[in-house]
N, C-alpha and C. Protein backbone atom coordinates (compact mmCIF):
# COMPACT_ATOMS: atom_id res chain seq x y z
N MET A 1 105.42 88.39 97.32
CA MET A 1 105.75 88.86 98.64
C MET A 1 106.74 90.02 98.58
N LYS A 2 107.72 89.90 97.66
CA LYS A 2 108.70 90.98 97.51
C LYS A 2 108.00 92.27 97.10
N ARG A 3 107.02 92.13 96.19
CA ARG A 3 106.29 93.31 95.72
C ARG A 3 105.56 93.98 96.88
N LEU A 4 104.90 93.17 97.72
CA LEU A 4 104.17 93.72 98.85
C LEU A 4 105.12 94.44 99.81
N LEU A 5 106.28 93.84 100.07
CA LEU A 5 107.26 94.49 100.95
C LEU A 5 107.77 95.79 100.34
N ALA A 6 108.02 95.79 99.03
CA ALA A 6 108.49 97.01 98.37
C ALA A 6 107.43 98.10 98.45
N ILE A 7 106.18 97.73 98.21
CA ILE A 7 105.09 98.70 98.27
C ILE A 7 104.92 99.22 99.69
N LEU A 8 104.97 98.33 100.67
CA LEU A 8 104.84 98.74 102.06
C LEU A 8 105.98 99.68 102.45
N SER A 9 107.20 99.35 102.04
CA SER A 9 108.35 100.23 102.33
C SER A 9 108.17 101.60 101.70
N LEU A 10 107.76 101.62 100.44
CA LEU A 10 107.54 102.88 99.74
C LEU A 10 106.43 103.67 100.41
N THR A 11 105.36 102.98 100.78
CA THR A 11 104.24 103.65 101.44
C THR A 11 104.68 104.29 102.74
N LEU A 12 105.43 103.55 103.54
CA LEU A 12 105.87 104.10 104.82
C LEU A 12 106.85 105.24 104.62
N THR A 13 107.69 105.14 103.58
CA THR A 13 108.63 106.22 103.28
C THR A 13 107.90 107.48 102.86
N LEU A 14 106.88 107.32 102.04
CA LEU A 14 106.14 108.47 101.53
C LEU A 14 105.06 108.95 102.49
N GLN A 15 104.81 108.19 103.53
CA GLN A 15 103.73 108.53 104.45
C GLN A 15 103.83 109.97 104.95
N GLY A 16 105.02 110.42 105.31
CA GLY A 16 105.18 111.78 105.81
C GLY A 16 104.76 112.81 104.79
N CYS A 17 105.11 112.60 103.53
CA CYS A 17 104.74 113.54 102.48
C CYS A 17 103.24 113.60 102.31
N ILE A 18 102.60 112.44 102.32
CA ILE A 18 101.16 112.39 102.13
C ILE A 18 100.46 113.06 103.29
N PHE A 19 100.94 112.81 104.53
CA PHE A 19 100.27 113.37 105.68
C PHE A 19 100.53 114.86 105.84
N VAL A 20 101.62 115.38 105.30
CA VAL A 20 101.83 116.83 105.34
C VAL A 20 100.74 117.49 104.52
N VAL A 21 100.45 116.95 103.34
CA VAL A 21 99.37 117.49 102.52
C VAL A 21 98.04 117.30 103.23
N GLY A 22 97.84 116.10 103.82
CA GLY A 22 96.59 115.83 104.53
C GLY A 22 96.40 116.77 105.70
N ALA A 23 97.47 117.04 106.43
CA ALA A 23 97.36 117.94 107.58
C ALA A 23 97.01 119.34 107.13
N ALA A 24 97.54 119.75 105.99
CA ALA A 24 97.20 121.08 105.48
C ALA A 24 95.72 121.15 105.15
N ALA A 25 95.15 120.02 104.78
CA ALA A 25 93.72 119.99 104.48
C ALA A 25 92.89 119.70 105.72
N GLY A 26 93.57 119.52 106.86
CA GLY A 26 92.85 119.31 108.10
C GLY A 26 92.51 117.87 108.39
N ALA A 27 93.14 116.93 107.73
CA ALA A 27 92.81 115.52 107.93
C ALA A 27 94.03 114.77 108.44
N ALA A 28 93.96 114.31 109.68
CA ALA A 28 95.12 113.67 110.30
C ALA A 28 95.37 112.27 109.78
N ALA A 29 94.34 111.51 109.50
CA ALA A 29 94.53 110.12 109.08
C ALA A 29 93.94 109.89 107.70
N VAL A 30 94.32 110.73 106.77
CA VAL A 30 93.83 110.63 105.40
C VAL A 30 94.99 110.31 104.49
N ALA A 31 94.77 109.45 103.54
CA ALA A 31 95.80 109.17 102.55
C ALA A 31 95.12 108.82 101.23
N VAL A 32 95.74 109.18 100.14
CA VAL A 32 95.22 108.87 98.82
C VAL A 32 96.01 107.69 98.29
N VAL A 33 95.31 106.63 97.87
CA VAL A 33 96.00 105.46 97.35
C VAL A 33 96.71 105.83 96.07
N TYR A 34 96.00 106.34 95.09
CA TYR A 34 96.59 106.97 93.93
C TYR A 34 95.54 107.90 93.38
N ASP A 35 95.99 108.98 92.82
CA ASP A 35 95.06 110.05 92.47
C ASP A 35 95.33 110.51 91.05
N HIS A 36 94.34 110.32 90.18
CA HIS A 36 94.48 110.72 88.78
C HIS A 36 93.78 112.04 88.49
N ARG A 37 93.36 112.74 89.54
CA ARG A 37 92.77 114.06 89.31
C ARG A 37 93.88 115.03 88.96
N THR A 38 93.49 116.14 88.38
CA THR A 38 94.50 117.15 88.06
C THR A 38 94.99 117.82 89.34
N ILE A 39 96.15 118.41 89.25
CA ILE A 39 96.69 119.14 90.40
C ILE A 39 95.74 120.26 90.78
N ALA A 40 95.14 120.91 89.79
CA ALA A 40 94.20 122.00 90.07
C ALA A 40 93.02 121.49 90.90
N ASN A 41 92.47 120.30 90.56
CA ASN A 41 91.35 119.74 91.32
C ASN A 41 91.76 119.40 92.74
N THR A 42 92.94 118.83 92.88
CA THR A 42 93.44 118.48 94.21
C THR A 42 93.63 119.72 95.06
N LEU A 43 94.23 120.75 94.49
CA LEU A 43 94.43 122.01 95.22
C LEU A 43 93.11 122.67 95.57
N GLN A 44 92.14 122.59 94.65
CA GLN A 44 90.82 123.16 94.92
C GLN A 44 90.18 122.46 96.12
N ASP A 45 90.29 121.14 96.18
CA ASP A 45 89.74 120.40 97.32
C ASP A 45 90.45 120.78 98.61
N ASN A 46 91.79 120.88 98.57
CA ASN A 46 92.54 121.27 99.77
C ASN A 46 92.15 122.67 100.22
N ASN A 47 91.99 123.58 99.28
CA ASN A 47 91.59 124.95 99.59
C ASN A 47 90.19 124.97 100.22
N LEU A 48 89.28 124.18 99.67
CA LEU A 48 87.92 124.11 100.21
C LEU A 48 87.95 123.57 101.64
N ALA A 49 88.73 122.52 101.87
CA ALA A 49 88.84 121.96 103.23
C ALA A 49 89.37 123.00 104.20
N ASN A 50 90.37 123.75 103.78
CA ASN A 50 90.94 124.79 104.64
C ASN A 50 89.93 125.89 104.94
N ARG A 51 89.13 126.29 103.93
CA ARG A 51 88.12 127.32 104.16
C ARG A 51 87.06 126.84 105.14
N ILE A 52 86.67 125.56 105.02
CA ILE A 52 85.68 124.99 105.95
C ILE A 52 86.25 124.96 107.36
N LEU A 53 87.48 124.47 107.50
CA LEU A 53 88.11 124.42 108.83
C LEU A 53 88.22 125.80 109.45
N GLU A 54 88.55 126.78 108.65
CA GLU A 54 88.65 128.16 109.16
C GLU A 54 87.32 128.61 109.74
N LYS A 55 86.24 128.33 109.01
CA LYS A 55 84.90 128.71 109.50
C LYS A 55 84.54 127.93 110.77
N LEU A 56 84.84 126.63 110.79
CA LEU A 56 84.52 125.81 111.97
C LEU A 56 85.31 126.26 113.19
N HIS A 57 86.58 126.62 112.97
CA HIS A 57 87.41 127.05 114.10
C HIS A 57 87.02 128.43 114.62
N GLY A 58 86.16 129.14 113.91
CA GLY A 58 85.64 130.41 114.37
C GLY A 58 84.57 130.25 115.43
N VAL A 59 84.11 129.03 115.65
CA VAL A 59 83.08 128.74 116.65
C VAL A 59 83.76 128.08 117.85
N PRO A 60 83.72 128.72 119.02
CA PRO A 60 84.46 128.20 120.18
C PRO A 60 84.21 126.72 120.51
N VAL A 61 82.96 126.28 120.49
CA VAL A 61 82.67 124.88 120.85
C VAL A 61 83.29 123.92 119.83
N LEU A 62 83.35 124.30 118.58
CA LEU A 62 83.93 123.44 117.54
C LEU A 62 85.45 123.49 117.55
N ARG A 63 85.99 124.59 118.03
CA ARG A 63 87.45 124.75 118.11
C ARG A 63 88.00 124.14 119.40
N ASP A 64 87.35 124.42 120.53
CA ASP A 64 87.93 124.10 121.83
C ASP A 64 87.44 122.79 122.45
N GLU A 65 86.23 122.35 122.11
CA GLU A 65 85.65 121.18 122.76
C GLU A 65 85.43 120.02 121.81
N SER A 66 85.92 120.13 120.59
CA SER A 66 85.64 119.14 119.56
C SER A 66 86.92 118.70 118.86
N HIS A 67 86.80 117.61 118.15
CA HIS A 67 87.85 117.15 117.24
C HIS A 67 87.14 116.91 115.91
N VAL A 68 87.29 117.87 114.98
CA VAL A 68 86.59 117.79 113.70
C VAL A 68 87.61 117.70 112.58
N GLU A 69 87.44 116.70 111.73
CA GLU A 69 88.27 116.53 110.53
C GLU A 69 87.40 116.79 109.31
N VAL A 70 87.99 117.45 108.32
CA VAL A 70 87.28 117.77 107.08
C VAL A 70 88.05 117.13 105.94
N THR A 71 87.39 116.26 105.19
CA THR A 71 88.00 115.62 104.03
C THR A 71 87.15 115.99 102.82
N VAL A 72 87.82 116.42 101.74
CA VAL A 72 87.10 116.85 100.54
C VAL A 72 87.64 116.09 99.33
N PHE A 73 86.73 115.61 98.50
CA PHE A 73 87.08 114.97 97.24
C PHE A 73 86.05 115.42 96.21
N ASN A 74 86.50 116.15 95.18
CA ASN A 74 85.61 116.68 94.14
C ASN A 74 84.43 117.45 94.73
N ASN A 75 84.71 118.32 95.69
CA ASN A 75 83.73 119.19 96.35
C ASN A 75 82.73 118.43 97.23
N VAL A 76 82.91 117.13 97.39
CA VAL A 76 82.12 116.35 98.32
C VAL A 76 82.86 116.38 99.65
N VAL A 77 82.14 116.75 100.72
CA VAL A 77 82.77 116.96 102.03
C VAL A 77 82.35 115.86 103.00
N LEU A 78 83.35 115.32 103.69
CA LEU A 78 83.13 114.34 104.74
C LEU A 78 83.58 114.96 106.06
N LEU A 79 82.65 115.08 107.00
CA LEU A 79 82.97 115.57 108.35
C LEU A 79 83.06 114.37 109.27
N THR A 80 84.21 114.21 109.94
CA THR A 80 84.38 113.14 110.90
C THR A 80 84.97 113.71 112.18
N GLY A 81 84.86 112.94 113.24
CA GLY A 81 85.41 113.37 114.52
C GLY A 81 84.34 113.35 115.59
N GLU A 82 84.60 114.12 116.64
CA GLU A 82 83.74 114.11 117.81
C GLU A 82 83.37 115.53 118.21
N VAL A 83 82.12 115.69 118.59
CA VAL A 83 81.61 116.98 119.09
C VAL A 83 80.85 116.71 120.39
N PRO A 84 80.70 117.74 121.26
CA PRO A 84 80.10 117.51 122.58
C PRO A 84 78.57 117.42 122.60
N SER A 85 77.90 117.81 121.52
CA SER A 85 76.43 117.81 121.57
C SER A 85 75.83 117.68 120.18
N PRO A 86 74.56 117.26 120.12
CA PRO A 86 73.87 117.21 118.82
C PRO A 86 73.79 118.60 118.16
N GLU A 87 73.67 119.64 118.99
CA GLU A 87 73.60 121.00 118.45
C GLU A 87 74.93 121.38 117.77
N ALA A 88 76.05 120.99 118.38
CA ALA A 88 77.36 121.27 117.77
C ALA A 88 77.52 120.50 116.47
N ARG A 89 77.02 119.28 116.43
CA ARG A 89 77.07 118.46 115.21
C ARG A 89 76.30 119.15 114.08
N GLN A 90 75.09 119.60 114.39
CA GLN A 90 74.25 120.29 113.41
C GLN A 90 74.88 121.61 112.99
N GLN A 91 75.45 122.34 113.94
CA GLN A 91 76.08 123.62 113.63
C GLN A 91 77.26 123.42 112.67
N ALA A 92 78.06 122.38 112.89
CA ALA A 92 79.20 122.09 112.01
C ALA A 92 78.72 121.82 110.58
N GLU A 93 77.64 121.07 110.46
CA GLU A 93 77.10 120.77 109.13
C GLU A 93 76.56 122.04 108.45
N GLU A 94 75.83 122.86 109.18
CA GLU A 94 75.28 124.09 108.61
C GLU A 94 76.39 125.04 108.16
N ILE A 95 77.42 125.17 108.96
CA ILE A 95 78.55 126.04 108.60
C ILE A 95 79.21 125.50 107.32
N THR A 96 79.39 124.19 107.26
CA THR A 96 80.02 123.57 106.09
C THR A 96 79.19 123.80 104.83
N ARG A 97 77.89 123.58 104.92
CA ARG A 97 77.02 123.76 103.75
C ARG A 97 77.03 125.21 103.24
N ALA A 98 77.27 126.16 104.13
CA ALA A 98 77.25 127.58 103.75
C ALA A 98 78.52 128.04 103.04
N VAL A 99 79.57 127.24 103.05
CA VAL A 99 80.82 127.61 102.40
C VAL A 99 80.65 127.46 100.89
N PRO A 100 80.99 128.50 100.11
CA PRO A 100 80.85 128.40 98.65
C PRO A 100 81.64 127.21 98.07
N ASP A 101 81.09 126.60 97.05
CA ASP A 101 81.68 125.48 96.31
C ASP A 101 81.49 124.12 96.97
N VAL A 102 80.84 124.08 98.14
CA VAL A 102 80.59 122.79 98.78
C VAL A 102 79.47 122.09 98.03
N GLY A 103 79.72 120.83 97.67
CA GLY A 103 78.69 120.00 97.04
C GLY A 103 77.93 119.27 98.14
N LYS A 104 77.95 117.96 98.07
CA LYS A 104 77.28 117.13 99.07
C LYS A 104 78.10 117.11 100.36
N VAL A 105 77.41 117.04 101.50
CA VAL A 105 78.07 116.95 102.80
C VAL A 105 77.63 115.66 103.49
N TYR A 106 78.62 114.87 103.90
CA TYR A 106 78.37 113.67 104.69
C TYR A 106 78.82 113.98 106.12
N ASN A 107 77.87 114.11 107.02
CA ASN A 107 78.17 114.45 108.40
C ASN A 107 78.25 113.16 109.22
N GLN A 108 79.47 112.73 109.49
CA GLN A 108 79.71 111.52 110.27
C GLN A 108 80.28 111.86 111.65
N LEU A 109 80.04 113.10 112.11
CA LEU A 109 80.50 113.49 113.44
C LEU A 109 79.72 112.70 114.49
N THR A 110 80.41 112.29 115.54
CA THR A 110 79.75 111.57 116.63
C THR A 110 79.71 112.48 117.86
N VAL A 111 78.68 112.30 118.67
CA VAL A 111 78.53 113.09 119.89
C VAL A 111 79.21 112.32 121.01
N GLN A 112 80.40 112.76 121.35
CA GLN A 112 81.21 112.16 122.43
C GLN A 112 82.44 113.04 122.63
N GLY A 113 83.23 112.73 123.64
CA GLY A 113 84.46 113.46 123.87
C GLY A 113 85.48 113.15 122.78
N PRO A 114 86.44 114.06 122.57
CA PRO A 114 87.46 113.84 121.54
C PRO A 114 88.26 112.56 121.80
N THR A 115 88.68 111.89 120.72
CA THR A 115 89.48 110.68 120.85
C THR A 115 90.87 111.03 121.37
N SER A 116 91.53 110.03 121.92
CA SER A 116 92.87 110.22 122.49
C SER A 116 93.94 110.21 121.39
N ALA A 117 95.12 110.65 121.76
CA ALA A 117 96.26 110.62 120.84
C ALA A 117 96.57 109.18 120.44
N LEU A 118 96.41 108.24 121.36
CA LEU A 118 96.66 106.83 121.06
C LEU A 118 95.68 106.32 120.00
N THR A 119 94.42 106.70 120.12
CA THR A 119 93.41 106.30 119.12
C THR A 119 93.74 106.89 117.77
N ARG A 120 94.16 108.14 117.74
CA ARG A 120 94.51 108.80 116.46
C ARG A 120 95.74 108.16 115.83
N THR A 121 96.69 107.73 116.66
CA THR A 121 97.86 107.03 116.14
C THR A 121 97.44 105.69 115.55
N SER A 122 96.57 104.98 116.24
CA SER A 122 96.04 103.71 115.74
C SER A 122 95.31 103.92 114.41
N ASP A 123 94.53 105.01 114.33
CA ASP A 123 93.81 105.33 113.08
C ASP A 123 94.80 105.55 111.93
N SER A 124 95.89 106.23 112.19
CA SER A 124 96.90 106.47 111.16
C SER A 124 97.51 105.15 110.70
N TRP A 125 97.75 104.25 111.64
CA TRP A 125 98.33 102.95 111.29
C TRP A 125 97.33 102.14 110.47
N ILE A 126 96.05 102.16 110.85
CA ILE A 126 95.02 101.46 110.07
C ILE A 126 94.99 102.00 108.65
N THR A 127 95.02 103.33 108.50
CA THR A 127 95.01 103.94 107.17
C THR A 127 96.20 103.45 106.35
N THR A 128 97.37 103.39 106.96
CA THR A 128 98.57 102.92 106.26
C THR A 128 98.41 101.47 105.81
N LYS A 129 97.87 100.63 106.68
CA LYS A 129 97.69 99.22 106.33
C LYS A 129 96.67 99.06 105.20
N VAL A 130 95.57 99.78 105.28
CA VAL A 130 94.54 99.70 104.23
C VAL A 130 95.14 100.14 102.90
N LYS A 131 95.83 101.26 102.92
CA LYS A 131 96.45 101.81 101.72
C LYS A 131 97.43 100.82 101.10
N SER A 132 98.26 100.22 101.93
CA SER A 132 99.25 99.27 101.44
C SER A 132 98.60 98.07 100.78
N LEU A 133 97.56 97.54 101.40
CA LEU A 133 96.86 96.40 100.81
C LEU A 133 96.17 96.78 99.50
N MET A 134 95.65 98.00 99.41
CA MET A 134 95.03 98.45 98.17
C MET A 134 96.06 98.57 97.05
N LEU A 135 97.22 99.10 97.39
CA LEU A 135 98.28 99.24 96.39
C LEU A 135 98.77 97.88 95.90
N ALA A 136 98.77 96.89 96.79
CA ALA A 136 99.27 95.56 96.44
C ALA A 136 98.25 94.72 95.69
N ASN A 137 96.99 95.12 95.70
CA ASN A 137 95.94 94.34 95.06
C ASN A 137 95.86 94.67 93.57
N GLU A 138 96.14 93.67 92.74
CA GLU A 138 96.16 93.89 91.29
C GLU A 138 94.77 94.06 90.70
N ASP A 139 93.72 93.64 91.42
CA ASP A 139 92.36 93.78 90.91
C ASP A 139 91.79 95.18 91.13
N LEU A 140 92.43 95.95 91.97
CA LEU A 140 91.94 97.30 92.26
C LEU A 140 92.59 98.28 91.29
N LYS A 141 91.80 98.78 90.35
CA LYS A 141 92.31 99.67 89.30
C LYS A 141 91.64 101.04 89.36
N SER A 142 91.28 101.46 90.53
CA SER A 142 90.55 102.71 90.69
C SER A 142 91.36 103.91 90.25
N GLY A 143 90.67 104.95 89.78
CA GLY A 143 91.33 106.20 89.43
C GLY A 143 91.88 106.90 90.66
N SER A 144 91.14 106.92 91.74
CA SER A 144 91.62 107.51 92.99
C SER A 144 90.69 107.14 94.13
N ILE A 145 91.31 106.83 95.25
CA ILE A 145 90.58 106.49 96.47
C ILE A 145 91.26 107.18 97.63
N LYS A 146 90.49 107.92 98.41
CA LYS A 146 90.99 108.50 99.65
C LYS A 146 90.58 107.57 100.78
N VAL A 147 91.49 107.37 101.69
CA VAL A 147 91.23 106.53 102.86
C VAL A 147 91.32 107.42 104.09
N MET A 148 90.29 107.41 104.90
CA MET A 148 90.23 108.22 106.12
C MET A 148 89.80 107.30 107.25
N THR A 149 90.52 107.30 108.35
CA THR A 149 90.15 106.47 109.50
C THR A 149 89.91 107.37 110.70
N GLU A 150 88.78 107.15 111.35
CA GLU A 150 88.42 107.91 112.55
C GLU A 150 87.82 106.94 113.56
N ASN A 151 88.54 106.77 114.68
CA ASN A 151 88.08 105.92 115.78
C ASN A 151 87.77 104.50 115.31
N GLY A 152 88.63 103.97 114.43
CA GLY A 152 88.49 102.61 113.93
C GLY A 152 87.54 102.45 112.76
N VAL A 153 86.85 103.50 112.37
CA VAL A 153 85.94 103.46 111.22
C VAL A 153 86.70 103.97 110.00
N VAL A 154 86.75 103.15 108.95
CA VAL A 154 87.45 103.52 107.72
C VAL A 154 86.43 104.08 106.73
N TYR A 155 86.71 105.29 106.25
CA TYR A 155 85.88 105.94 105.23
C TYR A 155 86.65 105.90 103.91
N LEU A 156 85.98 105.51 102.84
CA LEU A 156 86.58 105.43 101.52
C LEU A 156 85.87 106.42 100.61
N MET A 157 86.64 107.31 99.98
CA MET A 157 86.09 108.33 99.09
C MET A 157 86.79 108.24 97.74
N GLY A 158 86.11 108.68 96.71
CA GLY A 158 86.72 108.76 95.40
C GLY A 158 85.71 108.52 94.30
N MET A 159 86.22 108.43 93.08
CA MET A 159 85.39 108.15 91.91
C MET A 159 85.77 106.77 91.40
N VAL A 160 84.83 105.82 91.55
CA VAL A 160 85.10 104.42 91.20
C VAL A 160 83.84 103.76 90.64
N SER A 161 84.05 102.60 90.03
CA SER A 161 82.91 101.77 89.65
C SER A 161 82.40 101.07 90.90
N ARG A 162 81.20 100.54 90.85
CA ARG A 162 80.65 99.83 92.01
C ARG A 162 81.49 98.59 92.33
N GLN A 163 81.98 97.93 91.31
CA GLN A 163 82.83 96.75 91.52
C GLN A 163 84.12 97.13 92.23
N GLN A 164 84.75 98.23 91.80
CA GLN A 164 85.98 98.68 92.45
C GLN A 164 85.70 99.12 93.89
N ALA A 165 84.56 99.73 94.14
CA ALA A 165 84.19 100.14 95.49
C ALA A 165 84.08 98.92 96.40
N ASP A 166 83.47 97.85 95.89
CA ASP A 166 83.33 96.63 96.68
C ASP A 166 84.68 96.00 96.98
N ILE A 167 85.58 95.99 95.99
CA ILE A 167 86.92 95.45 96.21
C ILE A 167 87.64 96.26 97.29
N ALA A 168 87.58 97.58 97.18
CA ALA A 168 88.24 98.45 98.16
C ALA A 168 87.68 98.22 99.56
N ALA A 169 86.37 98.12 99.67
CA ALA A 169 85.74 97.90 100.99
C ALA A 169 86.13 96.55 101.56
N ASP A 170 86.18 95.52 100.70
CA ASP A 170 86.58 94.19 101.17
C ASP A 170 88.02 94.20 101.68
N ILE A 171 88.90 94.92 101.00
CA ILE A 171 90.29 95.04 101.44
C ILE A 171 90.35 95.71 102.81
N ALA A 172 89.62 96.80 102.96
CA ALA A 172 89.64 97.54 104.23
C ALA A 172 89.12 96.69 105.38
N ARG A 173 88.10 95.87 105.12
CA ARG A 173 87.51 95.03 106.17
C ARG A 173 88.49 93.99 106.71
N GLN A 174 89.50 93.64 105.92
CA GLN A 174 90.48 92.62 106.32
C GLN A 174 91.49 93.13 107.35
N VAL A 175 91.59 94.43 107.51
CA VAL A 175 92.63 95.01 108.35
C VAL A 175 92.25 94.94 109.82
N SER A 176 93.18 94.48 110.62
CA SER A 176 92.97 94.39 112.06
C SER A 176 92.73 95.79 112.64
N GLY A 177 91.75 95.90 113.51
CA GLY A 177 91.44 97.18 114.15
C GLY A 177 90.32 97.94 113.48
N VAL A 178 89.93 97.52 112.28
CA VAL A 178 88.84 98.19 111.57
C VAL A 178 87.51 97.77 112.19
N GLN A 179 86.76 98.74 112.67
CA GLN A 179 85.46 98.47 113.29
C GLN A 179 84.33 98.43 112.26
N LYS A 180 84.49 99.26 111.23
CA LYS A 180 83.42 99.42 110.24
C LYS A 180 84.03 100.10 109.02
N VAL A 181 83.46 99.84 107.84
CA VAL A 181 83.90 100.50 106.60
C VAL A 181 82.70 101.25 106.03
N VAL A 182 82.91 102.53 105.72
CA VAL A 182 81.85 103.36 105.16
C VAL A 182 82.30 103.84 103.78
N LYS A 183 81.48 103.55 102.77
CA LYS A 183 81.80 103.98 101.40
C LYS A 183 81.12 105.33 101.14
N VAL A 184 81.93 106.30 100.75
CA VAL A 184 81.43 107.64 100.42
C VAL A 184 81.89 107.93 98.99
N PHE A 185 81.61 107.01 98.09
CA PHE A 185 82.10 107.10 96.72
C PHE A 185 81.14 107.85 95.81
N GLN A 186 81.70 108.40 94.75
CA GLN A 186 80.95 108.86 93.59
C GLN A 186 81.13 107.74 92.56
N TYR A 187 80.03 107.16 92.10
CA TYR A 187 80.13 106.00 91.20
C TYR A 187 80.19 106.42 89.75
N THR A 188 81.04 105.73 89.00
CA THR A 188 81.21 106.02 87.57
C THR A 188 80.26 105.18 86.72
N ASN A 189 79.55 104.22 87.32
CA ASN A 189 78.58 103.42 86.56
C ASN A 189 77.34 103.16 87.37
């Protein structure tokens, strides 16, 4: 119990640092549990996310009428958030695919109005809880897992074994407020 409290305290203390980096990459409720990638790889992903966001914000409907988050892990792109129409959803995906260095694109944008500030705050809290439980779980030995929450849906990204992916998903499902868990992993086996 002491270990869990220490980890939770550390997580909450470091939360601001993690989210500053996440915000620079355009992801409000993203956190990395632990990341064994090189700094160069991490910076490359952040740069790619910023380039995608710049292109998306050049389109008025995606800038003014939407809430689009871009999360990148090893050139794999996850689009989450809300857009006003199926055409805007498709346009966001096409713009993303056209950016150099983009690998696979997972388009999880939903057609609806943007979520409220209260929902986004709740998403951040869910991400913190999932992350804390992952850090406290001794069976989870993943190299790196990104946790992204959007409207109660938890997205898990990273490079893991299938067994580690299942452990991570099971942990996320235990958290109050989680509506669904989506695995967007690259598998090592």
